[in-house]
C-alpha atoms as a PDB file:
ATOM      1  CA  MET A   1       1.121  -3.200  22.950  1.00  0.00           C
ATOM      2  CA  GLU A   2       0.262  -2.724  19.662  1.00  0.00           C
ATOM      3  CA  SER A   3       1.615   1.034  17.910  1.00  0.00           C
ATOM      4  CA  SER A   4      -1.629   3.696  16.611  1.00  0.00           C
ATOM      5  CA  GLN A   5       1.819   3.097  13.046  1.00  0.00           C
ATOM      6  CA  SER A   6       0.885  -0.087  13.415  1.00  0.00           C
ATOM      7  CA  VAL A   7      -2.371  -0.588  12.948  1.00  0.00           C
ATOM      8  CA  VAL A   8      -2.840   1.850  10.093  1.00  0.00           C
ATOM      9  CA  VAL A   9      -0.585  -0.979   8.350  1.00  0.00           C
ATOM     10  CA  GLU A  10      -3.394  -3.928   9.568  1.00  0.00           C
ATOM     11  CA  ARG A  11      -6.460  -1.699   8.473  1.00  0.00           C
ATOM     12  CA  LEU A  12      -4.080  -1.583   4.870  1.00  0.00           C
ATOM     13  CA  GLN A  13      -3.641  -4.389   4.623  1.00  0.00           C
ATOM     14  CA  GLN A  14      -6.943  -5.480   5.354  1.00  0.00           C
ATOM     15  CA  ALA A  15      -8.985  -3.131   3.122  1.00  0.00           C
ATOM     16  CA  GLN A  16      -6.310  -4.782   0.381  1.00  0.00           C
ATOM     17  CA  ASN A  17      -8.355  -8.053   0.784  1.00  0.00           C
ATOM     18  CA  ALA A  18     -11.299  -7.603   0.637  1.00  0.00           C
ATOM     19  CA  HIS A  19     -10.799  -4.777  -2.237  1.00  0.00           C
ATOM     20  CA  ASP A  20     -11.972  -2.135  -0.570  1.00  0.00           C
ATOM     21  CA  LEU A  21     -11.069   1.260  -1.940  1.00  0.00           C
ATOM     22  CA  GLU A  22     -12.849   3.865   0.726  1.00  0.00           C
ATOM     23  CA  ALA A  23     -11.160   1.730   3.643  1.00  0.00           C
ATOM     24  CA  PHE A  24      -7.931   1.432   1.866  1.00  0.00           C
ATOM     25  CA  LEU A  25      -7.788   5.465   0.583  1.00  0.00           C
ATOM     26  CA  ALA A  26      -9.465   5.967   4.386  1.00  0.00           C
ATOM     27  CA  CYS A  27      -5.623   4.861   5.541  1.00  0.00           C
ATOM     28  CA  PHE A  28      -4.486   8.497   3.408  1.00  0.00           C
ATOM     29  CA  ALA A  29      -3.903  11.440   4.300  1.00  0.00           C
ATOM     30  CA  PRO A  30      -6.413  13.985   1.511  1.00  0.00           C
ATOM     31  CA  HIS A  31      -2.214  15.499   0.791  1.00  0.00           C
ATOM     32  CA  PHE A  32      -1.152  11.917   0.365  1.00  0.00           C
ATOM     33  CA  GLN A  33       2.685  11.979  -1.378  1.00  0.00           C
ATOM     34  CA  GLY A  34       4.132   8.358  -2.221  1.00  0.00           C
ATOM     35  CA  ALA A  35       7.732   7.661  -3.903  1.00  0.00           C
ATOM     36  CA  HIS A  36       8.780   5.590  -5.437  1.00  0.00           C
ATOM     37  CA  PRO A  37      12.762   6.178  -6.212  1.00  0.00           C
ATOM     38  CA  VAL A  38      13.538   3.635  -7.915  1.00  0.00           C
ATOM     39  CA  HIS A  39      10.525   3.948 -10.961  1.00  0.00           C
ATOM     40  CA  PRO A  40       9.878   7.512 -10.302  1.00  0.00           C
ATOM     41  CA  GLU A  41       6.933   7.682 -13.610  1.00  0.00           C
ATOM     42  CA  ARG A  42       4.582   5.794 -10.552  1.00  0.00           C
ATOM     43  CA  ASP A  43       4.917   8.638  -8.018  1.00  0.00           C
ATOM     44  CA  GLU A  44       1.562   9.637  -6.422  1.00  0.00           C
ATOM     45  CA  LEU A  45       1.038  13.264  -5.568  1.00  0.00           C
ATOM     46  CA  GLY A  46      -2.601  12.988  -3.502  1.00  0.00           C
ATOM     47  CA  ILE A  47      -5.305  10.492  -2.791  1.00  0.00           C
ATOM     48  CA  GLU A  48      -7.417  11.140  -6.249  1.00  0.00           C
ATOM     49  CA  HIS A  49      -3.968   9.368  -7.428  1.00  0.00           C
ATOM     50  CA  VAL A  50      -3.674   5.986  -5.629  1.00  0.00           C
ATOM     51  CA  ARG A  51      -7.364   6.399  -6.445  1.00  0.00           C
ATOM     52  CA  ARG A  52      -7.121   5.683  -9.904  1.00  0.00           C
ATOM     53  CA  ASN A  53      -4.412   3.357  -9.182  1.00  0.00           C
ATOM     54  CA  TRP A  54      -5.337   0.796  -6.924  1.00  0.00           C
ATOM     55  CA  SER A  55      -9.227   0.987  -8.486  1.00  0.00           C
ATOM     56  CA  ALA A  56      -7.681  -0.612 -11.561  1.00  0.00           C
ATOM     57  CA  MET A  57      -5.294  -2.621  -9.363  1.00  0.00           C
ATOM     58  CA  PHE A  58      -8.499  -4.713  -7.569  1.00  0.00           C
ATOM     59  CA  HIS A  59      -9.770  -3.974 -11.111  1.00  0.00           C
ATOM     60  CA  ASN A  60      -7.605  -6.222 -12.629  1.00  0.00           C
ATOM     61  CA  ILE A  61      -6.624  -8.079  -9.837  1.00  0.00           C
ATOM     62  CA  PRO A  62      -9.774  -9.942  -9.478  1.00  0.00           C
ATOM     63  CA  ASP A  63      -7.722 -12.028  -6.119  1.00  0.00           C
ATOM     64  CA  PHE A  64      -5.496  -9.770  -5.150  1.00  0.00           C
ATOM     65  CA  HIS A  65      -3.967 -10.223  -1.981  1.00  0.00           C
ATOM     66  CA  SER A  66      -1.279  -8.770   0.061  1.00  0.00           C
ATOM     67  CA  GLU A  67       0.332 -10.649   3.286  1.00  0.00           C
ATOM     68  CA  LEU A  68       2.333  -8.488   5.366  1.00  0.00           C
ATOM     69  CA  LEU A  69       5.471 -10.551   6.517  1.00  0.00           C
ATOM     70  CA  ARG A  70       6.997  -8.288   8.607  1.00  0.00           C
ATOM     71  CA  LEU A  71       6.385  -4.370  10.333  1.00  0.00           C
ATOM     72  CA  THR A  72       9.085  -2.219  11.916  1.00  0.00           C
ATOM     73  CA  VAL A  73       8.032   1.223  13.962  1.00  0.00           C
ATOM     74  CA  GLU A  74      10.619   3.813  14.652  1.00  0.00           C
ATOM     75  CA  ASP A  75       8.280   6.930  16.000  1.00  0.00           C
ATOM     76  CA  GLU A  76       6.884   8.352  12.970  1.00  0.00           C
ATOM     77  CA  THR A  77       8.280   5.988  10.254  1.00  0.00           C
ATOM     78  CA  THR A  78       6.460   2.440   9.784  1.00  0.00           C
ATOM     79  CA  TRP A  79       8.903  -0.112   7.687  1.00  0.00           C
ATOM     80  CA  ALA A  80       6.418  -2.867   6.167  1.00  0.00           C
ATOM     81  CA  GLU A  81       7.894  -6.549   4.486  1.00  0.00           C
ATOM     82  CA  TRP A  82       5.105  -7.143   1.983  1.00  0.00           C
ATOM     83  CA  TYR A  83       4.285  -9.472  -0.689  1.00  0.00           C
ATOM     84  CA  TRP A  84       1.004  -8.590  -2.927  1.00  0.00           C
ATOM     85  CA  PHE A  85      -0.196 -11.579  -5.522  1.00  0.00           C
ATOM     86  CA  GLY A  86      -2.555 -13.203  -7.879  1.00  0.00           C
ATOM     87  CA  THR A  87      -4.152 -13.331 -10.826  1.00  0.00           C
ATOM     88  CA  GLN A  88      -4.592 -11.043 -13.826  1.00  0.00           C
ATOM     89  CA  ARG A  89      -7.524 -10.479 -15.646  1.00  0.00           C
ATOM     90  CA  ASN A  90      -5.700 -12.082 -18.692  1.00  0.00           C
ATOM     91  CA  GLY A  91      -4.413 -15.532 -16.639  1.00  0.00           C
ATOM     92  CA  SER A  92      -1.681 -13.665 -16.234  1.00  0.00           C
ATOM     93  CA  GLN A  93       0.403 -14.298 -12.281  1.00  0.00           C
ATOM     94  CA  PHE A  94       0.111 -11.104 -10.945  1.00  0.00           C
ATOM     95  CA  GLY A  95       3.665 -10.996  -8.213  1.00  0.00           C
ATOM     96  CA  MET A  96       5.371  -8.134  -5.788  1.00  0.00           C
ATOM     97  CA  ARG A  97       7.931  -7.978  -3.813  1.00  0.00           C
ATOM     98  CA  GLY A  98       8.958  -5.380  -1.632  1.00  0.00           C
ATOM     99  CA  VAL A  99       9.567  -2.679   1.476  1.00  0.00           C
ATOM    100  CA  THR A 100       7.975   0.683   1.700  1.00  0.00           C
ATOM    101  CA  ILE A 101       8.686   3.139   3.677  1.00  0.00           C
ATOM    102  CA  LEU A 102       5.737   4.953   5.496  1.00  0.00           C
ATOM    103  CA  GLY A 103       5.119   8.376   7.427  1.00  0.00           C
ATOM    104  CA  ILE A 104       2.138   8.238   9.617  1.00  0.00           C
ATOM    105  CA  GLN A 105       0.637  10.998  11.852  1.00  0.00           C
ATOM    106  CA  ALA A 106      -3.104  11.682  13.254  1.00  0.00           C
ATOM    107  CA  ASP A 107      -4.151   7.691  12.272  1.00  0.00           C
ATOM    108  CA  GLN A 108      -2.883   8.808   8.012  1.00  0.00           C
ATOM    109  CA  ILE A 109      -0.578   7.962   5.938  1.00  0.00           C
ATOM    110  CA  GLU A 110       1.274  11.523   5.055  1.00  0.00           C
ATOM    111  CA  TRP A 111       4.268   9.763   3.647  1.00  0.00           C
ATOM    112  CA  ALA A 112       5.534   6.567   1.660  1.00  0.00           C
ATOM    113  CA  ARG A 113       8.608   5.285  -0.062  1.00  0.00           C
ATOM    114  CA  LEU A 114       7.808   2.757  -2.343  1.00  0.00           C
ATOM    115  CA  TYR A 115      10.230  -0.508  -2.859  1.00  0.00           C
ATOM    116  CA  MET A 116       7.988  -2.488  -4.503  1.00  0.00           C
ATOM    117  CA  GLU A 117       9.985  -4.652  -7.588  1.00  0.00           C
ATOM    118  CA  PRO A 118       7.809  -8.235  -9.753  1.00  0.00           C
ATOM    119  CA  ALA A 119       8.045 -11.082  -7.787  1.00  0.00           C
END
């Protein structure tokens, strides 16, 4: 049986691969807080910050694709291993691999810690 947390992550991935910004944003709580411990300058506070970042991502990488490699759920915390890739508008390749740790409540991502690095 799938957990509600894993369903949220699957919905997130489907929205990424469809480049559906509104469906993607629906996965996040309005007061979402995203931390990038290795790159704190990338921290995201609030849904509008997520909107700006992912709108640019979908625009700049028209063939952006997300692969969910592993997923585990422990209570309200979800660990996901990702491979994000595509071709940027300037023709260069984009690739990121890493792990996100997500706090999911009421079918929305409340917080995240992202450990994504160039691949």
